[in-house]
Amino acid sequence: MTAGSSEGLRWFSSSHSNNGGDCVEATADLVTTEGAVSVRDSKAPADAVLTLPAGAFAAFVAGVRESGLTR
């Protein structure tokens, strides 16, 4: 996991977000070039960006779904 830059990336949030600014945004723009997914806090888009290997992000999402932590 590394810190990255969000400049020029296209961000999206879950369709379950309520546009209240309390969500995590992700971008898949780096998957094909770097095999990575970047995430950031929607309340502070200019702050730190975490870039994770695509497989690690997929495992995280699968774990959240399996745990029942989804809305």
PDB file of N, CA and C in Angstrom:
ATOM      1  N   MET A   1       0.851  -1.161   0.000  1.00  0.00           N
ATOM      2  CA  MET A   1       0.000   0.000   0.000  1.00  0.00           C
ATOM      3  C   MET A   1       0.901   1.228   0.000  1.00  0.00           C
ATOM      4  N   THR A   2       0.617   2.143  -0.885  1.00  0.00           N
ATOM      5  CA  THR A   2       1.426   3.354  -0.972  1.00  0.00           C
ATOM      6  C   THR A   2       0.533   4.577  -1.091  1.00  0.00           C
ATOM      7  N   ALA A   3       1.075   5.712  -0.738  1.00  0.00           N
ATOM      8  CA  ALA A   3       0.347   6.966  -0.940  1.00  0.00           C
ATOM      9  C   ALA A   3       0.539   7.389  -2.384  1.00  0.00           C
ATOM     10  N   GLY A   4      -0.481   7.978  -2.980  1.00  0.00           N
ATOM     11  CA  GLY A   4      -0.387   8.376  -4.375  1.00  0.00           C
ATOM     12  C   GLY A   4      -1.005   9.736  -4.614  1.00  0.00           C
ATOM     13  N   SER A   5      -1.053  10.126  -5.851  1.00  0.00           N
ATOM     14  CA  SER A   5      -1.640  11.403  -6.246  1.00  0.00           C
ATOM     15  C   SER A   5      -2.977  11.158  -6.922  1.00  0.00           C
ATOM     16  N   SER A   6      -3.919  12.054  -6.708  1.00  0.00           N
ATOM     17  CA  SER A   6      -5.239  11.891  -7.312  1.00  0.00           C
ATOM     18  C   SER A   6      -5.408  12.728  -8.571  1.00  0.00           C
ATOM     19  N   GLU A   7      -4.382  13.443  -8.963  1.00  0.00           N
ATOM     20  CA  GLU A   7      -4.479  14.342 -10.115  1.00  0.00           C
ATOM     21  C   GLU A   7      -4.768  13.570 -11.402  1.00  0.00           C
ATOM     22  N   GLY A   8      -5.820  13.984 -12.102  1.00  0.00           N
ATOM     23  CA  GLY A   8      -6.158  13.395 -13.389  1.00  0.00           C
ATOM     24  C   GLY A   8      -6.904  12.075 -13.335  1.00  0.00           C
ATOM     25  N   LEU A   9      -7.262  11.593 -12.148  1.00  0.00           N
ATOM     26  CA  LEU A   9      -7.973  10.322 -12.038  1.00  0.00           C
ATOM     27  C   LEU A   9      -9.483  10.558 -11.996  1.00  0.00           C
ATOM     28  N   ARG A  10     -10.243   9.590 -12.487  1.00  0.00           N
ATOM     29  CA  ARG A  10     -11.714   9.660 -12.453  1.00  0.00           C
ATOM     30  C   ARG A  10     -12.197   8.868 -11.244  1.00  0.00           C
ATOM     31  N   TRP A  11     -12.869   9.526 -10.328  1.00  0.00           N
ATOM     32  CA  TRP A  11     -13.291   8.930  -9.061  1.00  0.00           C
ATOM     33  C   TRP A  11     -14.771   8.561  -9.087  1.00  0.00           C
ATOM     34  N   PHE A  12     -15.122   7.522  -8.341  1.00  0.00           N
ATOM     35  CA  PHE A  12     -16.528   7.131  -8.193  1.00  0.00           C
ATOM     36  C   PHE A  12     -16.748   6.665  -6.765  1.00  0.00           C
ATOM     37  N   SER A  13     -17.998   6.695  -6.337  1.00  0.00           N
ATOM     38  CA  SER A  13     -18.365   6.169  -5.026  1.00  0.00           C
ATOM     39  C   SER A  13     -19.492   5.170  -5.219  1.00  0.00           C
ATOM     40  N   SER A  14     -19.784   4.449  -4.182  1.00  0.00           N
ATOM     41  CA  SER A  14     -20.811   3.423  -4.235  1.00  0.00           C
ATOM     42  C   SER A  14     -22.172   4.014  -4.591  1.00  0.00           C
ATOM     43  N   SER A  15     -22.971   3.240  -5.285  1.00  0.00           N
ATOM     44  CA  SER A  15     -24.339   3.676  -5.581  1.00  0.00           C
ATOM     45  C   SER A  15     -25.170   3.754  -4.301  1.00  0.00           C
ATOM     46  N   HIS A  16     -24.661   3.174  -3.209  1.00  0.00           N
ATOM     47  CA  HIS A  16     -25.352   3.232  -1.918  1.00  0.00           C
ATOM     48  C   HIS A  16     -25.027   4.512  -1.155  1.00  0.00           C
ATOM     49  N   SER A  17     -24.105   5.315  -1.662  1.00  0.00           N
ATOM     50  CA  SER A  17     -23.749   6.577  -1.004  1.00  0.00           C
ATOM     51  C   SER A  17     -24.930   7.532  -1.069  1.00  0.00           C
ATOM     52  N   ASN A  18     -25.033   8.376  -0.058  1.00  0.00           N
ATOM     53  CA  ASN A  18     -26.158   9.314  -0.030  1.00  0.00           C
ATOM     54  C   ASN A  18     -25.725  10.728  -0.381  1.00  0.00           C
ATOM     55  N   ASN A  19     -24.574  10.893  -0.986  1.00  0.00           N
ATOM     56  CA  ASN A  19     -24.024  12.200  -1.361  1.00  0.00           C
ATOM     57  C   ASN A  19     -23.824  13.116  -0.163  1.00  0.00           C
ATOM     58  N   GLY A  20     -23.712  12.528   1.025  1.00  0.00           N
ATOM     59  CA  GLY A  20     -23.480  13.320   2.224  1.00  0.00           C
ATOM     60  C   GLY A  20     -22.013  13.588   2.496  1.00  0.00           C
ATOM     61  N   GLY A  21     -21.138  13.063   1.657  1.00  0.00           N
ATOM     62  CA  GLY A  21     -19.716  13.291   1.835  1.00  0.00           C
ATOM     63  C   GLY A  21     -19.053  12.345   2.809  1.00  0.00           C
ATOM     64  N   ASP A  22     -19.780  11.341   3.284  1.00  0.00           N
ATOM     65  CA  ASP A  22     -19.221  10.388   4.240  1.00  0.00           C
ATOM     66  C   ASP A  22     -18.959   9.048   3.574  1.00  0.00           C
ATOM     67  N   CYS A  23     -18.178   9.057   2.522  1.00  0.00           N
ATOM     68  CA  CYS A  23     -17.924   7.797   1.837  1.00  0.00           C
ATOM     69  C   CYS A  23     -16.486   7.739   1.342  1.00  0.00           C
ATOM     70  N   VAL A  24     -16.131   6.583   0.893  1.00  0.00           N
ATOM     71  CA  VAL A  24     -14.825   6.356   0.282  1.00  0.00           C
ATOM     72  C   VAL A  24     -15.026   6.375  -1.221  1.00  0.00           C
ATOM     73  N   GLU A  25     -14.147   7.052  -1.919  1.00  0.00           N
ATOM     74  CA  GLU A  25     -14.181   7.064  -3.378  1.00  0.00           C
ATOM     75  C   GLU A  25     -13.037   6.196  -3.887  1.00  0.00           C
ATOM     76  N   ALA A  26     -13.234   5.612  -5.055  1.00  0.00           N
ATOM     77  CA  ALA A  26     -12.200   4.765  -5.654  1.00  0.00           C
ATOM     78  C   ALA A  26     -12.041   5.119  -7.124  1.00  0.00           C
ATOM     79  N   THR A  27     -10.908   4.751  -7.662  1.00  0.00           N
ATOM     80  CA  THR A  27     -10.665   4.896  -9.091  1.00  0.00           C
ATOM     81  C   THR A  27      -9.985   3.637  -9.592  1.00  0.00           C
ATOM     82  N   ALA A  28     -10.424   3.181 -10.722  1.00  0.00           N
ATOM     83  CA  ALA A  28      -9.807   2.012 -11.350  1.00  0.00           C
ATOM     84  C   ALA A  28      -8.930   2.430 -12.521  1.00  0.00           C
ATOM     85  N   ASP A  29      -8.651   3.714 -12.648  1.00  0.00           N
ATOM     86  CA  ASP A  29      -7.854   4.220 -13.767  1.00  0.00           C
ATOM     87  C   ASP A  29      -6.464   3.596 -13.836  1.00  0.00           C
ATOM     88  N   LEU A  30      -5.932   3.140 -12.715  1.00  0.00           N
ATOM     89  CA  LEU A  30      -4.573   2.607 -12.689  1.00  0.00           C
ATOM     90  C   LEU A  30      -4.510   1.089 -12.828  1.00  0.00           C
ATOM     91  N   VAL A  31      -5.659   0.412 -12.916  1.00  0.00           N
ATOM     92  CA  VAL A  31      -5.661  -1.049 -12.963  1.00  0.00           C
ATOM     93  C   VAL A  31      -4.886  -1.573 -14.161  1.00  0.00           C
ATOM     94  N   THR A  32      -5.141  -1.039 -15.331  1.00  0.00           N
ATOM     95  CA  THR A  32      -4.476  -1.575 -16.519  1.00  0.00           C
ATOM     96  C   THR A  32      -3.013  -1.175 -16.607  1.00  0.00           C
ATOM     97  N   THR A  33      -2.656   0.000 -16.128  1.00  0.00           N
ATOM     98  CA  THR A  33      -1.264   0.438 -16.250  1.00  0.00           C
ATOM     99  C   THR A  33      -0.392   0.000 -15.084  1.00  0.00           C
ATOM    100  N   GLU A  34      -0.965  -0.060 -13.890  1.00  0.00           N
ATOM    101  CA  GLU A  34      -0.162  -0.375 -12.711  1.00  0.00           C
ATOM    102  C   GLU A  34      -0.711  -1.535 -11.892  1.00  0.00           C
ATOM    103  N   GLY A  35      -1.852  -2.095 -12.278  1.00  0.00           N
ATOM    104  CA  GLY A  35      -2.454  -3.183 -11.507  1.00  0.00           C
ATOM    105  C   GLY A  35      -2.875  -2.734 -10.119  1.00  0.00           C
ATOM    106  N   ALA A  36      -3.390  -1.505 -10.022  1.00  0.00           N
ATOM    107  CA  ALA A  36      -3.700  -0.938  -8.714  1.00  0.00           C
ATOM    108  C   ALA A  36      -5.040  -0.218  -8.711  1.00  0.00           C
ATOM    109  N   VAL A  37      -5.594  -0.078  -7.506  1.00  0.00           N
ATOM    110  CA  VAL A  37      -6.818   0.692  -7.281  1.00  0.00           C
ATOM    111  C   VAL A  37      -6.483   1.739  -6.226  1.00  0.00           C
ATOM    112  N   SER A  38      -6.876   2.975  -6.460  1.00  0.00           N
ATOM    113  CA  SER A  38      -6.647   4.044  -5.487  1.00  0.00           C
ATOM    114  C   SER A  38      -7.951   4.385  -4.791  1.00  0.00           C
ATOM    115  N   VAL A  39      -7.858   4.717  -3.501  1.00  0.00           N
ATOM    116  CA  VAL A  39      -9.025   5.108  -2.709  1.00  0.00           C
ATOM    117  C   VAL A  39      -8.699   6.391  -1.955  1.00  0.00           C
ATOM    118  N   ARG A  40      -9.757   7.178  -1.669  1.00  0.00           N
ATOM    119  CA  ARG A  40      -9.585   8.416  -0.912  1.00  0.00           C
ATOM    120  C   ARG A  40     -10.862   8.712  -0.131  1.00  0.00           C
ATOM    121  N   ASP A  41     -10.760   9.622   0.806  1.00  0.00           N
ATOM    122  CA  ASP A  41     -11.884  10.079   1.617  1.00  0.00           C
ATOM    123  C   ASP A  41     -12.629  11.156   0.836  1.00  0.00           C
ATOM    124  N   SER A  42     -13.915  10.980   0.635  1.00  0.00           N
ATOM    125  CA  SER A  42     -14.690  11.950  -0.146  1.00  0.00           C
ATOM    126  C   SER A  42     -14.778  13.313   0.538  1.00  0.00           C
ATOM    127  N   LYS A  43     -14.624  13.349   1.863  1.00  0.00           N
ATOM    128  CA  LYS A  43     -14.675  14.627   2.586  1.00  0.00           C
ATOM    129  C   LYS A  43     -13.392  15.429   2.411  1.00  0.00           C
ATOM    130  N   ALA A  44     -12.313  14.757   2.020  1.00  0.00           N
ATOM    131  CA  ALA A  44     -11.009  15.424   1.903  1.00  0.00           C
ATOM    132  C   ALA A  44     -10.296  14.951   0.637  1.00  0.00           C
ATOM    133  N   PRO A  45     -10.859  15.242  -0.535  1.00  0.00           N
ATOM    134  CA  PRO A  45     -10.295  14.711  -1.774  1.00  0.00           C
ATOM    135  C   PRO A  45      -8.882  15.186  -2.092  1.00  0.00           C
ATOM    136  N   ALA A  46      -8.452  16.285  -1.497  1.00  0.00           N
ATOM    137  CA  ALA A  46      -7.091  16.772  -1.753  1.00  0.00           C
ATOM    138  C   ALA A  46      -6.068  16.148  -0.807  1.00  0.00           C
ATOM    139  N   ASP A  47      -6.541  15.404   0.191  1.00  0.00           N
ATOM    140  CA  ASP A  47      -5.635  14.764   1.149  1.00  0.00           C
ATOM    141  C   ASP A  47      -5.089  13.454   0.579  1.00  0.00           C
ATOM    142  N   ALA A  48      -4.574  12.628   1.441  1.00  0.00           N
ATOM    143  CA  ALA A  48      -3.887  11.393   1.051  1.00  0.00           C
ATOM    144  C   ALA A  48      -4.758  10.466   0.209  1.00  0.00           C
ATOM    145  N   VAL A  49      -4.108   9.821  -0.723  1.00  0.00           N
ATOM    146  CA  VAL A  49      -4.710   8.793  -1.566  1.00  0.00           C
ATOM    147  C   VAL A  49      -3.946   7.508  -1.289  1.00  0.00           C
ATOM    148  N   LEU A  50      -4.664   6.423  -1.033  1.00  0.00           N
ATOM    149  CA  LEU A  50      -4.018   5.132  -0.848  1.00  0.00           C
ATOM    150  C   LEU A  50      -4.151   4.330  -2.128  1.00  0.00           C
ATOM    151  N   THR A  51      -3.044   3.768  -2.576  1.00  0.00           N
ATOM    152  CA  THR A  51      -3.047   2.950  -3.778  1.00  0.00           C
ATOM    153  C   THR A  51      -2.695   1.528  -3.375  1.00  0.00           C
ATOM    154  N   LEU A  52      -3.600   0.606  -3.685  1.00  0.00           N
ATOM    155  CA  LEU A  52      -3.442  -0.790  -3.299  1.00  0.00           C
ATOM    156  C   LEU A  52      -3.366  -1.669  -4.537  1.00  0.00           C
ATOM    157  N   PRO A  53      -2.669  -2.807  -4.441  1.00  0.00           N
ATOM    158  CA  PRO A  53      -2.711  -3.758  -5.546  1.00  0.00           C
ATOM    159  C   PRO A  53      -4.167  -4.153  -5.811  1.00  0.00           C
ATOM    160  N   ALA A  54      -4.528  -4.312  -7.066  1.00  0.00           N
ATOM    161  CA  ALA A  54      -5.918  -4.617  -7.426  1.00  0.00           C
ATOM    162  C   ALA A  54      -6.426  -5.861  -6.709  1.00  0.00           C
ATOM    163  N   GLY A  55      -5.590  -6.871  -6.559  1.00  0.00           N
ATOM    164  CA  GLY A  55      -5.997  -8.093  -5.863  1.00  0.00           C
ATOM    165  C   GLY A  55      -6.315  -7.850  -4.400  1.00  0.00           C
ATOM    166  N   ALA A  56      -5.550  -6.993  -3.745  1.00  0.00           N
ATOM    167  CA  ALA A  56      -5.797  -6.670  -2.342  1.00  0.00           C
ATOM    168  C   ALA A  56      -7.114  -5.914  -2.191  1.00  0.00           C
ATOM    169  N   PHE A  57      -7.400  -4.998  -3.111  1.00  0.00           N
ATOM    170  CA  PHE A  57      -8.658  -4.262  -3.061  1.00  0.00           C
ATOM    171  C   PHE A  57      -9.834  -5.209  -3.294  1.00  0.00           C
ATOM    172  N   ALA A  58      -9.699  -6.121  -4.247  1.00  0.00           N
ATOM    173  CA  ALA A  58     -10.765  -7.096  -4.518  1.00  0.00           C
ATOM    174  C   ALA A  58     -11.009  -7.976  -3.293  1.00  0.00           C
ATOM    175  N   ALA A  59      -9.941  -8.381  -2.603  1.00  0.00           N
ATOM    176  CA  ALA A  59     -10.089  -9.195  -1.396  1.00  0.00           C
ATOM    177  C   ALA A  59     -10.782  -8.401  -0.288  1.00  0.00           C
ATOM    178  N   PHE A  60     -10.459  -7.120  -0.161  1.00  0.00           N
ATOM    179  CA  PHE A  60     -11.113  -6.261   0.822  1.00  0.00           C
ATOM    180  C   PHE A  60     -12.611  -6.170   0.548  1.00  0.00           C
ATOM    181  N   VAL A  61     -12.983  -5.896  -0.700  1.00  0.00           N
ATOM    182  CA  VAL A  61     -14.399  -5.781  -1.069  1.00  0.00           C
ATOM    183  C   VAL A  61     -15.122  -7.103  -0.810  1.00  0.00           C
ATOM    184  N   ALA A  62     -14.502  -8.218  -1.171  1.00  0.00           N
ATOM    185  CA  ALA A  62     -15.114  -9.530  -0.931  1.00  0.00           C
ATOM    186  C   ALA A  62     -15.310  -9.766   0.565  1.00  0.00           C
ATOM    187  N   GLY A  63     -14.329  -9.373   1.375  1.00  0.00           N
ATOM    188  CA  GLY A  63     -14.443  -9.531   2.821  1.00  0.00           C
ATOM    189  C   GLY A  63     -15.572  -8.708   3.406  1.00  0.00           C
ATOM    190  N   VAL A  64     -15.742  -7.494   2.925  1.00  0.00           N
ATOM    191  CA  VAL A  64     -16.841  -6.644   3.395  1.00  0.00           C
ATOM    192  C   VAL A  64     -18.177  -7.276   3.025  1.00  0.00           C
ATOM    193  N   ARG A  65     -18.284  -7.756   1.808  1.00  0.00           N
ATOM    194  CA  ARG A  65     -19.544  -8.380   1.373  1.00  0.00           C
ATOM    195  C   ARG A  65     -19.856  -9.626   2.196  1.00  0.00           C
ATOM    196  N   GLU A  66     -18.853 -10.465   2.422  1.00  0.00           N
ATOM    197  CA  GLU A  66     -19.058 -11.707   3.174  1.00  0.00           C
ATOM    198  C   GLU A  66     -19.386 -11.453   4.637  1.00  0.00           C
ATOM    199  N   SER A  67     -18.877 -10.369   5.194  1.00  0.00           N
ATOM    200  CA  SER A  67     -19.088 -10.080   6.613  1.00  0.00           C
ATOM    201  C   SER A  67     -20.468  -9.499   6.899  1.00  0.00           C
ATOM    202  N   GLY A  68     -21.154  -9.048   5.861  1.00  0.00           N
ATOM    203  CA  GLY A  68     -22.459  -8.435   6.058  1.00  0.00           C
ATOM    204  C   GLY A  68     -22.382  -6.970   6.463  1.00  0.00           C
ATOM    205  N   LEU A  69     -21.226  -6.337   6.285  1.00  0.00           N
ATOM    206  CA  LEU A  69     -21.070  -4.933   6.657  1.00  0.00           C
ATOM    207  C   LEU A  69     -21.633  -3.973   5.628  1.00  0.00           C
ATOM    208  N   THR A  70     -22.233  -4.483   4.580  1.00  0.00           N
ATOM    209  CA  THR A  70     -22.814  -3.609   3.563  1.00  0.00           C
ATOM    210  C   THR A  70     -24.154  -3.093   4.049  1.00  0.00           C
ATOM    211  N   ARG A  71     -24.614  -2.014   3.452  1.00  0.00           N
ATOM    212  CA  ARG A  71     -25.918  -1.446   3.833  1.00  0.00           C
ATOM    213  C   ARG A  71     -27.043  -2.275   3.320  1.00  0.00           C
TER     214      ARG A  71
END
